Amino acid sequence: MNDYCARCGELLGGGDHAGCVRALALEPPRYCPACRRRMVVQVTPVGWSARCSRHGSTHSTA
């Protein structure tokens, strides 16, 4: 369940996130979409990984 924007951390139903969607196509998420916690993000030359302390890790599919 994704209640929060992965870029700005605000509720998805609380405003326009078109800019966030465009930005997330080029950059890693900064907030966990399930709980709004800041994620630990690591960017490498071949992609990125992001880890939430409660919900685990995600990574780019590059």
Protein backbone atom coordinates (compact mmCIF):
# COMPACT_ATOMS: atom_id res chain seq x y z
CA MET A 1 0.00 0.00 0.00
CA ASN A 2 1.56 3.28 -1.12
CA ASP A 3 0.02 6.20 0.73
CA TYR A 4 2.94 8.64 0.44
CA CYS A 5 4.91 10.19 -2.40
CA ALA A 6 8.36 8.59 -2.67
CA ARG A 7 9.92 11.92 -3.63
CA CYS A 8 8.39 14.58 -1.35
CA GLY A 9 6.90 12.39 1.37
CA GLU A 10 3.46 14.01 1.31
CA LEU A 11 0.16 12.11 1.07
CA LEU A 12 -0.58 11.05 -2.49
CA GLY A 13 -4.18 12.26 -2.25
CA GLY A 14 -3.12 15.65 -0.90
CA GLY A 15 -2.00 17.44 -4.05
CA ASP A 16 -0.49 17.31 -7.50
CA HIS A 17 2.50 14.99 -7.75
CA ALA A 18 3.05 15.18 -11.51
CA GLY A 19 6.43 16.85 -10.95
CA CYS A 20 7.41 14.17 -8.46
CA VAL A 21 6.49 11.41 -10.92
CA ARG A 22 8.68 13.03 -13.60
CA ALA A 23 11.58 13.47 -11.18
CA LEU A 24 11.38 9.87 -9.94
CA ALA A 25 11.99 8.70 -13.50
CA LEU A 26 15.50 10.16 -13.17
CA GLU A 27 16.34 10.00 -9.46
CA PRO A 28 15.92 7.52 -6.59
CA PRO A 29 13.07 7.74 -4.09
CA ARG A 30 13.82 9.60 -0.85
CA TYR A 31 10.82 8.58 1.26
CA CYS A 32 9.25 5.18 1.89
CA PRO A 33 5.88 5.19 0.11
CA ALA A 34 4.39 2.95 2.82
CA CYS A 35 5.39 4.82 6.00
CA ARG A 36 6.94 8.18 4.96
CA ARG A 37 10.29 7.48 6.66
CA ARG A 38 13.41 8.86 5.03
CA MET A 39 15.24 6.06 3.25
CA VAL A 40 18.96 5.43 3.12
CA VAL A 41 19.83 5.93 -0.56
CA GLN A 42 23.00 4.85 -2.32
CA VAL A 43 23.67 5.93 -5.90
CA THR A 44 26.24 4.05 -7.99
CA PRO A 45 27.35 4.41 -11.61
CA VAL A 46 25.00 1.58 -12.61
CA GLY A 47 21.89 2.47 -10.58
CA TRP A 48 20.65 3.09 -7.05
CA SER A 49 19.34 1.31 -3.97
CA ALA A 50 17.09 2.64 -1.21
CA ARG A 51 16.39 1.06 2.17
CA CYS A 52 13.58 1.71 4.65
CA SER A 53 14.27 0.54 8.21
CA ARG A 54 10.75 -0.94 8.40
CA HIS A 55 9.91 -2.04 4.85
CA GLY A 56 13.20 -3.23 3.37
CA SER A 57 15.09 -2.38 0.21
CA THR A 58 14.31 -1.45 -3.35
CA HIS A 59 16.66 -0.81 -6.27
CA SER A 60 16.73 0.51 -9.79
CA THR A 61 16.11 -1.83 -12.68
CA ALA A 62 18.85 -0.46 -14.90
